[in-house]
Amino acid sequence: MKVVRQGEAFSVQSAKAEAGQIKKCNIVLRELGGGKFENEFVCAMLGNLAACRFYEGDVVIATLRFSTHEYQGQTFQEVLATDIVKLK
């Protein structure tokens, strides 16, 4: 995949984190292919991965976990990047 853009890391509440908060960062990844019309994914990176910095155009290998949850009668999809490695 190619990195389209990455936001800044910020803290969010987490019942699983020891301190009650965890770092989160959003990143947009695009599948490799012929142009800018390939599939794109808006992914969350959590914890130590949220501190990693990737730049537009970086080619990466990413492990993505897709999940859904319901909130107030609506269903939402979440994409979590559990690992990202930059290719040289």
PDB file of N, CA and C in Angstrom:
ATOM      1  N   MET A   1       0.835  -1.174   0.000  1.00  0.00           N
ATOM      2  CA  MET A   1       0.000   0.000   0.000  1.00  0.00           C
ATOM      3  C   MET A   1       0.882   1.241   0.000  1.00  0.00           C
ATOM      4  N   LYS A   2       0.273   2.368  -0.397  1.00  0.00           N
ATOM      5  CA  LYS A   2       0.971   3.658  -0.328  1.00  0.00           C
ATOM      6  C   LYS A   2       0.284   4.531   0.713  1.00  0.00           C
ATOM      7  N   VAL A   3       1.089   5.303   1.424  1.00  0.00           N
ATOM      8  CA  VAL A   3       0.548   6.241   2.406  1.00  0.00           C
ATOM      9  C   VAL A   3       0.029   7.465   1.657  1.00  0.00           C
ATOM     10  N   VAL A   4      -1.227   7.831   1.919  1.00  0.00           N
ATOM     11  CA  VAL A   4      -1.831   9.032   1.340  1.00  0.00           C
ATOM     12  C   VAL A   4      -1.599  10.202   2.291  1.00  0.00           C
ATOM     13  N   ARG A   5      -1.891   9.989   3.566  1.00  0.00           N
ATOM     14  CA  ARG A   5      -1.637  11.015   4.590  1.00  0.00           C
ATOM     15  C   ARG A   5      -1.758  10.387   5.974  1.00  0.00           C
ATOM     16  N   GLN A   6      -1.206  11.075   6.957  1.00  0.00           N
ATOM     17  CA  GLN A   6      -1.263  10.629   8.345  1.00  0.00           C
ATOM     18  C   GLN A   6      -1.524  11.831   9.234  1.00  0.00           C
ATOM     19  N   GLY A   7      -2.421  11.677  10.175  1.00  0.00           N
ATOM     20  CA  GLY A   7      -2.713  12.740  11.124  1.00  0.00           C
ATOM     21  C   GLY A   7      -1.773  12.692  12.323  1.00  0.00           C
ATOM     22  N   GLU A   8      -1.936  13.643  13.206  1.00  0.00           N
ATOM     23  CA  GLU A   8      -1.140  13.706  14.429  1.00  0.00           C
ATOM     24  C   GLU A   8      -1.720  12.759  15.479  1.00  0.00           C
ATOM     25  N   ALA A   9      -0.863  12.234  16.326  1.00  0.00           N
ATOM     26  CA  ALA A   9      -1.296  11.352  17.408  1.00  0.00           C
ATOM     27  C   ALA A   9      -1.993  12.170  18.489  1.00  0.00           C
ATOM     28  N   PHE A  10      -3.006  11.560  19.097  1.00  0.00           N
ATOM     29  CA  PHE A  10      -3.728  12.188  20.206  1.00  0.00           C
ATOM     30  C   PHE A  10      -4.125  11.108  21.200  1.00  0.00           C
ATOM     31  N   SER A  11      -4.482  11.503  22.413  1.00  0.00           N
ATOM     32  CA  SER A  11      -4.843  10.551  23.466  1.00  0.00           C
ATOM     33  C   SER A  11      -6.343  10.306  23.476  1.00  0.00           C
ATOM     34  N   VAL A  12      -6.716   9.031  23.695  1.00  0.00           N
ATOM     35  CA  VAL A  12      -8.121   8.653  23.823  1.00  0.00           C
ATOM     36  C   VAL A  12      -8.276   7.792  25.065  1.00  0.00           C
ATOM     37  N   GLN A  13      -9.484   7.766  25.613  1.00  0.00           N
ATOM     38  CA  GLN A  13      -9.783   6.931  26.778  1.00  0.00           C
ATOM     39  C   GLN A  13      -9.743   5.464  26.367  1.00  0.00           C
ATOM     40  N   SER A  14      -9.176   4.614  27.236  1.00  0.00           N
ATOM     41  CA  SER A  14      -9.118   3.183  26.970  1.00  0.00           C
ATOM     42  C   SER A  14      -9.184   2.420  28.280  1.00  0.00           C
ATOM     43  N   ALA A  15     -10.185   1.559  28.383  1.00  0.00           N
ATOM     44  CA  ALA A  15     -10.316   0.725  29.577  1.00  0.00           C
ATOM     45  C   ALA A  15      -9.205  -0.326  29.618  1.00  0.00           C
ATOM     46  N   LYS A  16      -8.619  -0.637  28.478  1.00  0.00           N
ATOM     47  CA  LYS A  16      -7.580  -1.662  28.407  1.00  0.00           C
ATOM     48  C   LYS A  16      -6.194  -1.127  28.765  1.00  0.00           C
ATOM     49  N   ALA A  17      -6.000   0.183  28.668  1.00  0.00           N
ATOM     50  CA  ALA A  17      -4.687   0.777  28.947  1.00  0.00           C
ATOM     51  C   ALA A  17      -4.498   0.949  30.445  1.00  0.00           C
ATOM     52  N   GLU A  18      -3.270   0.735  30.884  1.00  0.00           N
ATOM     53  CA  GLU A  18      -2.957   0.825  32.305  1.00  0.00           C
ATOM     54  C   GLU A  18      -3.241   2.219  32.871  1.00  0.00           C
ATOM     55  N   ALA A  19      -2.915   3.261  32.122  1.00  0.00           N
ATOM     56  CA  ALA A  19      -3.113   4.635  32.582  1.00  0.00           C
ATOM     57  C   ALA A  19      -4.509   5.167  32.239  1.00  0.00           C
ATOM     58  N   GLY A  20      -5.336   4.354  31.584  1.00  0.00           N
ATOM     59  CA  GLY A  20      -6.680   4.798  31.221  1.00  0.00           C
ATOM     60  C   GLY A  20      -6.746   5.556  29.909  1.00  0.00           C
ATOM     61  N   GLN A  21      -5.579   5.796  29.294  1.00  0.00           N
ATOM     62  CA  GLN A  21      -5.522   6.476  28.009  1.00  0.00           C
ATOM     63  C   GLN A  21      -4.521   5.770  27.108  1.00  0.00           C
ATOM     64  N   ILE A  22      -4.734   5.925  25.818  1.00  0.00           N
ATOM     65  CA  ILE A  22      -3.832   5.341  24.825  1.00  0.00           C
ATOM     66  C   ILE A  22      -3.696   6.331  23.672  1.00  0.00           C
ATOM     67  N   LYS A  23      -2.544   6.317  23.024  1.00  0.00           N
ATOM     68  CA  LYS A  23      -2.327   7.185  21.857  1.00  0.00           C
ATOM     69  C   LYS A  23      -3.031   6.586  20.641  1.00  0.00           C
ATOM     70  N   LYS A  24      -3.583   7.466  19.814  1.00  0.00           N
ATOM     71  CA  LYS A  24      -4.263   7.050  18.588  1.00  0.00           C
ATOM     72  C   LYS A  24      -3.867   8.000  17.478  1.00  0.00           C
ATOM     73  N   CYS A  25      -3.731   7.449  16.285  1.00  0.00           N
ATOM     74  CA  CYS A  25      -3.382   8.240  15.120  1.00  0.00           C
ATOM     75  C   CYS A  25      -4.117   7.645  13.927  1.00  0.00           C
ATOM     76  N   ASN A  26      -4.613   8.481  13.035  1.00  0.00           N
ATOM     77  CA  ASN A  26      -5.286   8.006  11.830  1.00  0.00           C
ATOM     78  C   ASN A  26      -4.348   8.112  10.639  1.00  0.00           C
ATOM     79  N   ILE A  27      -4.439   7.116   9.756  1.00  0.00           N
ATOM     80  CA  ILE A  27      -3.613   7.089   8.555  1.00  0.00           C
ATOM     81  C   ILE A  27      -4.487   6.624   7.394  1.00  0.00           C
ATOM     82  N   VAL A  28      -4.269   7.194   6.216  1.00  0.00           N
ATOM     83  CA  VAL A  28      -5.000   6.791   5.014  1.00  0.00           C
ATOM     84  C   VAL A  28      -4.023   6.027   4.129  1.00  0.00           C
ATOM     85  N   LEU A  29      -4.408   4.789   3.785  1.00  0.00           N
ATOM     86  CA  LEU A  29      -3.579   3.926   2.944  1.00  0.00           C
ATOM     87  C   LEU A  29      -4.316   3.607   1.654  1.00  0.00           C
ATOM     88  N   ARG A  30      -3.582   3.571   0.528  1.00  0.00           N
ATOM     89  CA  ARG A  30      -4.165   3.259  -0.778  1.00  0.00           C
ATOM     90  C   ARG A  30      -3.498   2.005  -1.337  1.00  0.00           C
ATOM     91  N   GLU A  31      -4.318   1.102  -1.863  1.00  0.00           N
ATOM     92  CA  GLU A  31      -3.774  -0.089  -2.496  1.00  0.00           C
ATOM     93  C   GLU A  31      -2.909   0.300  -3.691  1.00  0.00           C
ATOM     94  N   LEU A  32      -1.880  -0.483  -3.948  1.00  0.00           N
ATOM     95  CA  LEU A  32      -1.027  -0.242  -5.107  1.00  0.00           C
ATOM     96  C   LEU A  32      -1.798  -0.593  -6.373  1.00  0.00           C
ATOM     97  N   GLY A  33      -1.513   0.116  -7.429  1.00  0.00           N
ATOM     98  CA  GLY A  33      -2.193  -0.139  -8.690  1.00  0.00           C
ATOM     99  C   GLY A  33      -1.876   0.951  -9.685  1.00  0.00           C
ATOM    100  N   GLY A  34      -2.797   1.143 -10.602  1.00  0.00           N
ATOM    101  CA  GLY A  34      -2.565   2.036 -11.713  1.00  0.00           C
ATOM    102  C   GLY A  34      -2.769   3.510 -11.453  1.00  0.00           C
ATOM    103  N   GLY A  35      -3.352   3.916 -10.346  1.00  0.00           N
ATOM    104  CA  GLY A  35      -3.584   5.348 -10.183  1.00  0.00           C
ATOM    105  C   GLY A  35      -4.239   5.699  -8.876  1.00  0.00           C
ATOM    106  N   LYS A  36      -4.849   6.887  -8.881  1.00  0.00           N
ATOM    107  CA  LYS A  36      -5.425   7.388  -7.634  1.00  0.00           C
ATOM    108  C   LYS A  36      -6.837   6.879  -7.375  1.00  0.00           C
ATOM    109  N   PHE A  37      -7.329   5.973  -8.213  1.00  0.00           N
ATOM    110  CA  PHE A  37      -8.673   5.446  -8.020  1.00  0.00           C
ATOM    111  C   PHE A  37      -8.673   4.066  -7.378  1.00  0.00           C
ATOM    112  N   GLU A  38      -7.540   3.643  -6.819  1.00  0.00           N
ATOM    113  CA  GLU A  38      -7.460   2.366  -6.114  1.00  0.00           C
ATOM    114  C   GLU A  38      -8.178   2.503  -4.769  1.00  0.00           C
ATOM    115  N   ASN A  39      -8.491   1.373  -4.151  1.00  0.00           N
ATOM    116  CA  ASN A  39      -9.169   1.380  -2.855  1.00  0.00           C
ATOM    117  C   ASN A  39      -8.321   2.078  -1.808  1.00  0.00           C
ATOM    118  N   GLU A  40      -8.977   2.885  -0.972  1.00  0.00           N
ATOM    119  CA  GLU A  40      -8.307   3.556   0.134  1.00  0.00           C
ATOM    120  C   GLU A  40      -8.965   3.141   1.437  1.00  0.00           C
ATOM    121  N   PHE A  41      -8.161   3.110   2.500  1.00  0.00           N
ATOM    122  CA  PHE A  41      -8.638   2.733   3.818  1.00  0.00           C
ATOM    123  C   PHE A  41      -8.194   3.782   4.833  1.00  0.00           C
ATOM    124  N   VAL A  42      -9.127   4.259   5.632  1.00  0.00           N
ATOM    125  CA  VAL A  42      -8.800   5.141   6.753  1.00  0.00           C
ATOM    126  C   VAL A  42      -8.638   4.230   7.957  1.00  0.00           C
ATOM    127  N   CYS A  43      -7.432   4.191   8.495  1.00  0.00           N
ATOM    128  CA  CYS A  43      -7.095   3.242   9.552  1.00  0.00           C
ATOM    129  C   CYS A  43      -6.694   3.969  10.828  1.00  0.00           C
ATOM    130  N   ALA A  44      -6.958   3.332  11.939  1.00  0.00           N
ATOM    131  CA  ALA A  44      -6.485   3.818  13.230  1.00  0.00           C
ATOM    132  C   ALA A  44      -5.231   3.044  13.604  1.00  0.00           C
ATOM    133  N   MET A  45      -4.260   3.750  14.155  1.00  0.00           N
ATOM    134  CA  MET A  45      -3.065   3.120  14.723  1.00  0.00           C
ATOM    135  C   MET A  45      -3.078   3.447  16.210  1.00  0.00           C
ATOM    136  N   LEU A  46      -2.838   2.454  17.046  1.00  0.00           N
ATOM    137  CA  LEU A  46      -2.925   2.641  18.493  1.00  0.00           C
ATOM    138  C   LEU A  46      -1.591   2.380  19.185  1.00  0.00           C
ATOM    139  N   GLY A  47      -1.418   2.969  20.362  1.00  0.00           N
ATOM    140  CA  GLY A  47      -0.250   2.711  21.207  1.00  0.00           C
ATOM    141  C   GLY A  47       1.052   3.135  20.565  1.00  0.00           C
ATOM    142  N   ASN A  48       2.052   2.243  20.640  1.00  0.00           N
ATOM    143  CA  ASN A  48       3.378   2.554  20.095  1.00  0.00           C
ATOM    144  C   ASN A  48       3.346   2.801  18.597  1.00  0.00           C
ATOM    145  N   LEU A  49       2.454   2.119  17.881  1.00  0.00           N
ATOM    146  CA  LEU A  49       2.361   2.304  16.432  1.00  0.00           C
ATOM    147  C   LEU A  49       1.908   3.726  16.096  1.00  0.00           C
ATOM    148  N   ALA A  50       1.090   4.335  16.966  1.00  0.00           N
ATOM    149  CA  ALA A  50       0.613   5.702  16.736  1.00  0.00           C
ATOM    150  C   ALA A  50       1.754   6.715  16.766  1.00  0.00           C
ATOM    151  N   ALA A  51       2.847   6.359  17.407  1.00  0.00           N
ATOM    152  CA  ALA A  51       4.003   7.259  17.489  1.00  0.00           C
ATOM    153  C   ALA A  51       4.888   7.177  16.242  1.00  0.00           C
ATOM    154  N   CYS A  52       4.689   6.151  15.406  1.00  0.00           N
ATOM    155  CA  CYS A  52       5.475   5.999  14.182  1.00  0.00           C
ATOM    156  C   CYS A  52       5.017   7.018  13.157  1.00  0.00           C
ATOM    157  N   ARG A  53       5.962   7.523  12.389  1.00  0.00           N
ATOM    158  CA  ARG A  53       5.623   8.542  11.391  1.00  0.00           C
ATOM    159  C   ARG A  53       5.872   7.998   9.995  1.00  0.00           C
ATOM    160  N   PHE A  54       4.841   8.094   9.147  1.00  0.00           N
ATOM    161  CA  PHE A  54       4.941   7.721   7.747  1.00  0.00           C
ATOM    162  C   PHE A  54       4.596   8.952   6.920  1.00  0.00           C
ATOM    163  N   TYR A  55       5.095   8.996   5.697  1.00  0.00           N
ATOM    164  CA  TYR A  55       4.928  10.185   4.873  1.00  0.00           C
ATOM    165  C   TYR A  55       4.253   9.839   3.560  1.00  0.00           C
ATOM    166  N   GLU A  56       3.600  10.830   2.958  1.00  0.00           N
ATOM    167  CA  GLU A  56       2.904  10.644   1.695  1.00  0.00           C
ATOM    168  C   GLU A  56       3.829   9.996   0.668  1.00  0.00           C
ATOM    169  N   GLY A  57       3.341   8.939   0.047  1.00  0.00           N
ATOM    170  CA  GLY A  57       4.123   8.240  -0.960  1.00  0.00           C
ATOM    171  C   GLY A  57       4.929   7.065  -0.446  1.00  0.00           C
ATOM    172  N   ASP A  58       5.096   6.963   0.894  1.00  0.00           N
ATOM    173  CA  ASP A  58       5.798   5.805   1.446  1.00  0.00           C
ATOM    174  C   ASP A  58       5.067   4.536   1.030  1.00  0.00           C
ATOM    175  N   VAL A  59       5.826   3.528   0.614  1.00  0.00           N
ATOM    176  CA  VAL A  59       5.251   2.223   0.293  1.00  0.00           C
ATOM    177  C   VAL A  59       5.405   1.351   1.538  1.00  0.00           C
ATOM    178  N   VAL A  60       4.301   0.786   1.998  1.00  0.00           N
ATOM    179  CA  VAL A  60       4.292   0.029   3.243  1.00  0.00           C
ATOM    180  C   VAL A  60       3.567  -1.300   3.062  1.00  0.00           C
ATOM    181  N   ILE A  61       3.886  -2.215   3.943  1.00  0.00           N
ATOM    182  CA  ILE A  61       3.098  -3.439   4.108  1.00  0.00           C
ATOM    183  C   ILE A  61       2.349  -3.262   5.420  1.00  0.00           C
ATOM    184  N   ALA A  62       1.039  -3.485   5.387  1.00  0.00           N
ATOM    185  CA  ALA A  62       0.234  -3.245   6.585  1.00  0.00           C
ATOM    186  C   ALA A  62      -0.669  -4.441   6.870  1.00  0.00           C
ATOM    187  N   THR A  63      -0.807  -4.746   8.142  1.00  0.00           N
ATOM    188  CA  THR A  63      -1.779  -5.738   8.596  1.00  0.00           C
ATOM    189  C   THR A  63      -2.975  -4.956   9.110  1.00  0.00           C
ATOM    190  N   LEU A  64      -4.140  -5.173   8.488  1.00  0.00           N
ATOM    191  CA  LEU A  64      -5.354  -4.439   8.847  1.00  0.00           C
ATOM    192  C   LEU A  64      -6.371  -5.393   9.463  1.00  0.00           C
ATOM    193  N   ARG A  65      -7.043  -4.927  10.502  1.00  0.00           N
ATOM    194  CA  ARG A  65      -8.114  -5.703  11.141  1.00  0.00           C
ATOM    195  C   ARG A  65      -9.417  -4.925  10.976  1.00  0.00           C
ATOM    196  N   PHE A  66     -10.383  -5.543  10.317  1.00  0.00           N
ATOM    197  CA  PHE A  66     -11.680  -4.925  10.064  1.00  0.00           C
ATOM    198  C   PHE A  66     -12.675  -5.419  11.111  1.00  0.00           C
ATOM    199  N   SER A  67     -13.440  -4.486  11.685  1.00  0.00           N
ATOM    200  CA  SER A  67     -14.464  -4.875  12.658  1.00  0.00           C
ATOM    201  C   SER A  67     -15.646  -3.920  12.546  1.00  0.00           C
ATOM    202  N   THR A  68     -16.771  -4.330  13.090  1.00  0.00           N
ATOM    203  CA  THR A  68     -17.952  -3.474  13.124  1.00  0.00           C
ATOM    204  C   THR A  68     -18.467  -3.407  14.553  1.00  0.00           C
ATOM    205  N   HIS A  69     -19.148  -2.317  14.858  1.00  0.00           N
ATOM    206  CA  HIS A  69     -19.820  -2.196  16.154  1.00  0.00           C
ATOM    207  C   HIS A  69     -21.081  -1.364  15.970  1.00  0.00           C
ATOM    208  N   GLU A  70     -22.006  -1.569  16.873  1.00  0.00           N
ATOM    209  CA  GLU A  70     -23.271  -0.841  16.813  1.00  0.00           C
ATOM    210  C   GLU A  70     -23.308   0.202  17.920  1.00  0.00           C
ATOM    211  N   TYR A  71     -23.790   1.387  17.580  1.00  0.00           N
ATOM    212  CA  TYR A  71     -23.907   2.473  18.543  1.00  0.00           C
ATOM    213  C   TYR A  71     -25.172   3.250  18.218  1.00  0.00           C
ATOM    214  N   GLN A  72     -26.057   3.339  19.168  1.00  0.00           N
ATOM    215  CA  GLN A  72     -27.324   4.063  19.037  1.00  0.00           C
ATOM    216  C   GLN A  72     -28.077   3.670  17.765  1.00  0.00           C
ATOM    217  N   GLY A  73     -28.131   2.360  17.528  1.00  0.00           N
ATOM    218  CA  GLY A  73     -28.904   1.844  16.406  1.00  0.00           C
ATOM    219  C   GLY A  73     -28.229   1.919  15.049  1.00  0.00           C
ATOM    220  N   GLN A  74     -27.005   2.416  14.998  1.00  0.00           N
ATOM    221  CA  GLN A  74     -26.276   2.486  13.739  1.00  0.00           C
ATOM    222  C   GLN A  74     -25.058   1.563  13.789  1.00  0.00           C
ATOM    223  N   THR A  75     -24.696   1.000  12.646  1.00  0.00           N
ATOM    224  CA  THR A  75     -23.541   0.122  12.561  1.00  0.00           C
ATOM    225  C   THR A  75     -22.379   0.883  11.933  1.00  0.00           C
ATOM    226  N   PHE A  76     -21.209   0.762  12.558  1.00  0.00           N
ATOM    227  CA  PHE A  76     -19.999   1.442  12.099  1.00  0.00           C
ATOM    228  C   PHE A  76     -18.912   0.412  11.832  1.00  0.00           C
ATOM    229  N   GLN A  77     -18.098   0.675  10.820  1.00  0.00           N
ATOM    230  CA  GLN A  77     -16.949  -0.182  10.536  1.00  0.00           C
ATOM    231  C   GLN A  77     -15.694   0.529  10.982  1.00  0.00           C
ATOM    232  N   GLU A  78     -14.801  -0.222  11.581  1.00  0.00           N
ATOM    233  CA  GLU A  78     -13.524   0.324  12.010  1.00  0.00           C
ATOM    234  C   GLU A  78     -12.412  -0.489  11.356  1.00  0.00           C
ATOM    235  N   VAL A  79     -11.374   0.200  10.907  1.00  0.00           N
ATOM    236  CA  VAL A  79     -10.203  -0.465  10.344  1.00  0.00           C
ATOM    237  C   VAL A  79      -9.027  -0.109  11.250  1.00  0.00           C
ATOM    238  N   LEU A  80      -8.426  -1.133  11.845  1.00  0.00           N
ATOM    239  CA  LEU A  80      -7.304  -0.938  12.741  1.00  0.00           C
ATOM    240  C   LEU A  80      -6.031  -1.481  12.078  1.00  0.00           C
ATOM    241  N   ALA A  81      -5.023  -0.646  11.952  1.00  0.00           N
ATOM    242  CA  ALA A  81      -3.720  -1.096  11.458  1.00  0.00           C
ATOM    243  C   ALA A  81      -2.968  -1.659  12.667  1.00  0.00           C
ATOM    244  N   THR A  82      -2.738  -2.968  12.670  1.00  0.00           N
ATOM    245  CA  THR A  82      -2.074  -3.583  13.798  1.00  0.00           C
ATOM    246  C   THR A  82      -0.559  -3.659  13.626  1.00  0.00           C
ATOM    247  N   ASP A  83      -0.109  -3.505  12.372  1.00  0.00           N
ATOM    248  CA  ASP A  83       1.327  -3.481  12.093  1.00  0.00           C
ATOM    249  C   ASP A  83       1.552  -2.806  10.739  1.00  0.00           C
ATOM    250  N   ILE A  84       2.548  -1.960  10.656  1.00  0.00           N
ATOM    251  CA  ILE A  84       2.919  -1.318   9.394  1.00  0.00           C
ATOM    252  C   ILE A  84       4.441  -1.307   9.294  1.00  0.00           C
ATOM    253  N   VAL A  85       4.947  -1.765   8.157  1.00  0.00           N
ATOM    254  CA  VAL A  85       6.384  -1.776   7.913  1.00  0.00           C
ATOM    255  C   VAL A  85       6.643  -1.038   6.604  1.00  0.00           C
ATOM    256  N   LYS A  86       7.548  -0.064   6.655  1.00  0.00           N
ATOM    257  CA  LYS A  86       7.906   0.699   5.456  1.00  0.00           C
ATOM    258  C   LYS A  86       8.895  -0.105   4.615  1.00  0.00           C
ATOM    259  N   LEU A  87       8.635  -0.167   3.308  1.00  0.00           N
ATOM    260  CA  LEU A  87       9.545  -0.834   2.386  1.00  0.00           C
ATOM    261  C   LEU A  87      10.599   0.171   1.926  1.00  0.00           C
ATOM    262  N   LYS A  88      11.792  -0.313   1.657  1.00  0.00           N
ATOM    263  CA  LYS A  88      12.871   0.582   1.209  1.00  0.00           C
ATOM    264  C   LYS A  88      12.813   0.795  -0.264  1.00  0.00           C
TER     265      LYS A  88
END
